[in-house]
Structure formats: C-alpha cells, structure tokens
Protein backbone atom coordinates (compact mmCIF):
# COMPACT_ATOMS: atom_id res chain seq x y z
CA MET A 1 90.39 -269.31 203.12
CA ALA A 2 87.83 -271.98 202.27
CA LEU A 3 87.82 -273.35 198.73
CA ARG A 4 84.73 -274.58 196.94
CA LEU A 5 85.57 -277.82 195.19
CA GLY A 6 83.58 -278.87 192.15
CA VAL A 7 84.01 -281.49 189.47
CA MET A 8 87.65 -282.28 188.79
CA ALA A 9 88.82 -280.50 185.65
CA LEU A 10 90.47 -282.33 182.78
CA ARG A 11 94.23 -282.16 183.05
CA ILE A 12 97.25 -282.80 180.85
CA GLY A 13 98.11 -286.49 181.13
CA ASP A 14 94.54 -287.62 181.75
CA GLU A 15 92.94 -290.13 179.43
CA ALA A 16 90.96 -288.23 176.80
CA PRO A 17 87.28 -288.96 177.49
CA ASP A 18 85.86 -291.34 174.91
CA PHE A 19 82.45 -290.67 173.38
CA THR A 20 80.16 -291.66 170.55
CA ALA A 21 78.61 -288.76 168.66
CA GLU A 22 76.68 -287.78 165.57
CA THR A 23 78.86 -285.88 163.13
CA THR A 24 78.70 -284.51 159.61
CA VAL A 25 80.32 -287.75 158.38
CA GLY A 26 78.07 -290.06 160.41
CA GLU A 27 78.23 -291.53 163.89
CA LEU A 28 81.72 -292.12 165.23
CA ALA A 29 83.38 -293.37 168.39
CA PHE A 30 86.18 -290.97 169.22
CA HIS A 31 88.95 -293.35 170.32
CA ASP A 32 88.23 -295.78 167.48
CA TRP A 33 88.19 -292.92 164.98
CA LEU A 34 91.56 -291.64 166.24
CA GLY A 35 93.16 -295.08 166.10
CA HIS A 36 96.90 -294.56 166.59
CA HIS A 37 96.90 -290.98 165.28
CA TRP A 38 97.34 -287.73 167.13
CA GLY A 39 94.12 -285.76 167.42
CA MET A 40 92.94 -282.16 167.62
CA LEU A 41 89.47 -281.71 169.10
CA PHE A 42 88.38 -278.08 169.01
CA SER A 43 85.14 -276.38 169.96
CA HIS A 44 83.45 -273.32 168.50
CA PRO A 45 80.67 -271.27 170.09
CA GLY A 46 78.14 -271.33 167.27
CA ASP A 47 77.39 -271.83 163.59
CA PHE A 48 76.77 -268.80 161.36
CA THR A 49 79.00 -266.54 163.45
CA PRO A 50 81.87 -264.49 162.00
CA VAL A 51 84.88 -265.54 164.09
CA CYS A 52 83.97 -269.22 163.88
CA THR A 53 83.54 -268.95 160.11
CA THR A 54 87.11 -267.71 159.70
CA GLU A 55 88.45 -270.33 162.12
CA LEU A 56 86.90 -273.36 160.42
CA ALA A 57 88.10 -272.11 157.04
CA ALA A 58 91.61 -271.64 158.46
CA VAL A 59 91.68 -275.21 159.79
CA ALA A 60 90.39 -276.55 156.46
CA ARG A 61 93.24 -274.79 154.61
CA LEU A 62 95.76 -276.41 156.96
CA ALA A 63 94.49 -279.95 156.30
CA PRO A 64 97.74 -281.03 154.51
CA GLU A 65 99.78 -279.80 157.49
CA PHE A 66 97.71 -281.76 159.99
CA GLU A 67 97.89 -284.83 157.75
CA ARG A 68 101.68 -284.51 157.55
CA ARG A 69 101.74 -284.62 161.34
CA ARG A 70 99.46 -287.69 161.42
CA THR A 71 96.85 -285.65 163.26
CA ARG A 72 93.11 -286.11 162.85
CA VAL A 73 90.98 -283.01 163.30
CA ILE A 74 87.41 -282.80 164.59
CA SER A 75 85.28 -279.88 165.80
CA LEU A 76 82.19 -279.53 167.94
CA SER A 77 79.44 -277.14 168.93
CA ALA A 78 75.91 -277.44 170.28
CA ASP A 79 74.40 -276.87 166.81
CA ALA A 80 72.41 -279.52 164.96
CA LEU A 81 73.84 -281.48 162.04
CA ALA A 82 71.50 -279.73 159.58
CA SER A 83 72.93 -276.42 160.78
CA HIS A 84 76.50 -277.68 160.37
CA HIS A 85 75.82 -278.79 156.79
CA GLN A 86 74.16 -275.51 155.80
CA TRP A 87 76.88 -273.46 157.42
CA SER A 88 79.58 -275.51 155.68
CA ARG A 89 78.10 -274.51 152.34
CA GLU A 90 78.12 -270.87 153.39
CA ILE A 91 81.75 -271.13 154.58
CA ALA A 92 82.68 -272.47 151.15
CA ALA A 93 80.90 -269.58 149.48
CA SER A 94 82.37 -266.84 151.70
CA GLU A 95 85.84 -268.20 152.48
CA GLY A 96 86.56 -270.28 149.38
CA ILE A 97 86.89 -273.58 151.24
CA ALA A 98 84.50 -275.83 153.17
CA PRO A 99 85.32 -277.71 156.39
CA ASN A 100 87.03 -280.96 155.41
CA PHE A 101 86.86 -282.59 158.84
CA PRO A 102 84.00 -284.02 160.92
CA MET A 103 81.84 -281.55 162.86
CA ILE A 104 80.18 -282.93 165.99
CA SER A 105 76.67 -282.04 167.07
CA ASP A 106 76.79 -281.77 170.89
CA PRO A 107 73.32 -280.37 171.70
CA GLU A 108 73.47 -281.10 175.42
CA LEU A 109 77.12 -280.02 175.63
CA GLU A 110 78.02 -283.36 177.18
CA ILE A 111 81.28 -283.64 175.25
CA ALA A 112 82.15 -279.98 175.84
CA ARG A 113 81.55 -280.52 179.56
CA ALA A 114 83.68 -283.69 179.63
CA TYR A 115 86.52 -281.76 177.97
CA ASP A 116 86.12 -278.72 180.24
CA MET A 117 85.32 -276.42 177.28
CA LEU A 118 82.48 -274.39 178.79
CA PRO A 119 83.03 -270.71 179.61
CA ALA A 120 81.36 -268.98 182.51
CA ALA A 121 77.56 -268.76 182.38
CA ASP A 122 75.84 -265.84 180.66
CA ILE A 123 78.88 -264.84 178.66
CA SER A 124 78.72 -263.16 175.27
CA ALA A 125 81.16 -261.30 173.08
CA PRO A 126 81.28 -259.21 169.90
CA GLY A 127 81.48 -261.32 166.77
CA CYS A 128 79.99 -264.38 168.42
CA GLY A 129 76.29 -263.83 167.91
CA PRO A 130 73.67 -262.54 170.37
CA ALA A 131 73.02 -263.97 173.81
CA LEU A 132 75.47 -266.85 173.64
CA ASP A 133 74.96 -268.01 177.20
CA ARG A 134 75.08 -271.75 176.56
CA VAL A 135 78.00 -272.48 174.28
CA ALA A 136 81.29 -274.31 174.09
CA GLY A 137 84.17 -271.87 174.20
CA ARG A 138 87.15 -271.62 171.85
CA SER A 139 89.07 -274.58 173.20
CA VAL A 140 91.67 -276.86 171.63
CA VAL A 141 92.63 -280.24 173.05
CA ILE A 142 95.55 -282.19 171.58
CA VAL A 143 95.32 -285.95 172.11
CA THR A 144 98.21 -288.42 171.81
CA PRO A 145 98.08 -291.70 169.85
CA GLY A 146 97.68 -293.34 173.26
CA HIS A 147 94.51 -291.26 173.82
CA ARG A 148 96.01 -289.05 176.52
CA VAL A 149 95.55 -285.30 176.80
CA ALA A 150 98.81 -283.75 175.61
CA ALA A 151 97.90 -280.05 175.61
CA MET A 152 94.95 -277.70 176.08
CA LEU A 153 94.39 -274.14 174.84
CA SER A 154 91.49 -271.81 175.57
CA TYR A 155 90.69 -268.48 173.92
CA PRO A 156 88.04 -265.87 174.77
CA LEU A 157 84.99 -265.84 172.54
CA ALA A 158 85.85 -262.63 170.68
CA CYS A 159 89.41 -263.69 169.73
CA GLY A 160 90.10 -266.08 166.87
CA ARG A 161 92.70 -268.77 167.40
CA ASN A 162 96.12 -268.97 165.72
CA PHE A 163 96.18 -272.49 164.27
CA HIS A 164 99.76 -272.06 163.04
CA GLU A 165 100.65 -271.96 166.74
CA VAL A 166 98.73 -275.22 167.18
CA LEU A 167 100.89 -276.75 164.43
CA ARG A 168 104.04 -275.48 166.16
CA LEU A 169 102.80 -276.98 169.41
CA LEU A 170 102.16 -280.30 167.65
CA ASP A 171 105.71 -280.25 166.29
CA ALA A 172 107.07 -279.67 169.80
CA LEU A 173 104.86 -282.38 171.31
CA GLN A 174 105.83 -284.94 168.70
CA LEU A 175 109.53 -284.11 168.95
CA THR A 176 109.57 -284.36 172.74
CA ASP A 177 107.55 -287.58 172.53
CA ARG A 178 110.29 -289.15 170.36
CA HIS A 179 113.37 -287.77 172.13
CA PRO A 180 114.38 -286.81 175.70
CA VAL A 181 114.52 -283.10 174.91
CA ALA A 182 112.51 -279.97 175.67
CA THR A 183 111.81 -276.95 173.47
CA PRO A 184 112.80 -273.42 174.55
CA ALA A 185 110.67 -270.31 174.36
CA ASP A 186 109.59 -269.35 170.83
CA TRP A 187 111.10 -272.53 169.37
CA VAL A 188 110.31 -273.46 165.78
CA PRO A 189 111.33 -276.67 163.99
CA GLY A 190 114.98 -276.72 163.00
CA GLU A 191 116.20 -274.55 165.85
CA PRO A 192 118.25 -275.88 168.78
CA VAL A 193 116.43 -277.64 171.58
CA LEU A 194 117.23 -278.25 175.24
CA ALA A 195 118.73 -281.48 176.52
CA SER A 196 116.58 -282.80 179.31
CA PRO A 197 117.38 -283.89 181.92
CA VAL A 198 120.97 -282.99 182.78
CA PRO A 199 122.99 -286.21 182.42
CA ALA A 200 124.32 -287.97 185.49
CA PRO A 201 128.04 -287.51 186.31
CA GLY A 202 130.24 -289.67 184.12
CA THR A 203 127.69 -289.94 181.26
CA ARG A 204 127.95 -288.28 177.89
CA GLY A 205 124.34 -287.11 177.59
CA LEU A 206 122.31 -286.70 174.41
CA ASN A 207 124.05 -285.49 171.25
CA ARG A 208 126.87 -283.95 173.29
CA PRO A 209 129.07 -282.99 170.30
CA GLY A 210 126.39 -280.51 169.20
CA GLU A 211 125.93 -278.96 172.61
CA ARG A 212 126.45 -275.24 173.01
CA ALA A 213 128.43 -274.00 176.00
CA VAL A 214 126.24 -272.17 178.52
CA SER A 215 126.74 -270.57 181.90
CA LYS A 216 124.35 -272.91 183.71
CA PRO A 217 124.49 -276.72 183.51
CA TYR A 218 120.71 -277.01 183.37
CA VAL A 219 120.47 -274.95 180.12
CA ARG A 220 122.09 -277.16 177.49
CA ARG A 221 121.21 -276.31 173.91
CA ILE A 222 121.75 -279.06 171.36
CA ARG A 223 120.96 -279.70 167.75
CA GLN A 224 117.40 -280.80 167.15
CA PRO A 225 117.27 -284.62 166.85
CA LEU A 226 115.72 -285.95 163.66
C-alpha cells in the first residue's frame, strides 16, 4: 500500500516552534516569554462561541494551580485582537471571570499550523459557530522549561476539554522529569508510582524499602518521591 507523505507532524520530544506574535498583552516572543517555565499553549476554534467561552473561563479559574506548577498559559485562535478583547469582557460578564493569560491573534494560522493544531478541512460542529472551516482545533501542547514538546492533546470541536486532567498530566510530567519513575494508569499525586527501569542485578534500585511485592519484576510500585 502506497503512503502519501506530507509535512512532518510535530512530535513529543521535538523543539517547540518559536514564534513572535501579537497578543492581548502586547507582542511577545514565545521562548523568551516562557523563560525557564513550563508552558501550556492551547488553541480554540473561535471567539464568541459557547464551548470556547466555558473553556477560557475554566482555565482562568485554574490560574493559581498553573502558577503553583510554574506553568505559563497562553491561548490562540485566528481572531483579531479587538475580537479577543471584546470577547474577554463578555466572558467576564457571563462566566464571572475574564481570561487572565495572553491570547494570541493568529490570523493566517501560521502558529496553529506549526503546532499541528488544524483539524480536517471543512469541519464544523454544534456549539462551535457556523461554517468553521478554517480554524484551529481544541489542542493543548505542554512545553518543558527546555522548550521541548512534552505532551499533546487534541479534542473534537464539539467537546470541551477537561483542564483538571491537564493539571494531572503536568504533575506526572514534572514528577517523571525529576525522578526516574513512571506513573500508572489513573495515577493522581500522592499515590504509588512505578520504578523505571528495572534495576540491574546486584543494585538496590530506587526507594526499594517502599516497594510493593508484585508478580512481575517489571511492575514495581514504590512510594512517590518528593
């Protein structure tokens, strides 16, 4: 079977594409703005749409949680800055909180394209406004302090994202960045984690006194390191 090869998609581990953009807080250069922080870049299909309104309000309410995780948040869509500012006022009126993070204007979808955020052409969905055939999708890209892509999530246009799951993912990413461990399915902070990799013969391994006995040597649950 012949495969049609196009532009290489962005992948976990790639350098996060740098860019300079106009935002609701002025022009910024992405890598410089991130500095040595973690970052969450997320796209939304369009201003003045219902699902996006609830999403941006949800992220604004979680600002203290992102700050606690040393994570800077920024959003983008193809809408103009004037639209972003007007919509922010309407979000405050309807949801009780305004976006408290920069919102990028990406009219030519250059940033969305660089981050592989575009859905298929001619797509639309309930709750996303009419005839949205040229939009960024509901994508989330987590960027490390070293400006590498750590994780990517994509949702269909009609389904709002769960940003508490993004926080859980950030916790897992930051824990596994600090320690040679992995997180099991449905892990939440404070629960046991998995020692990774299995230690070589004759070595003690990580935190061995807290290890739980298991039937397979490659599944070794240990206390979560601090």
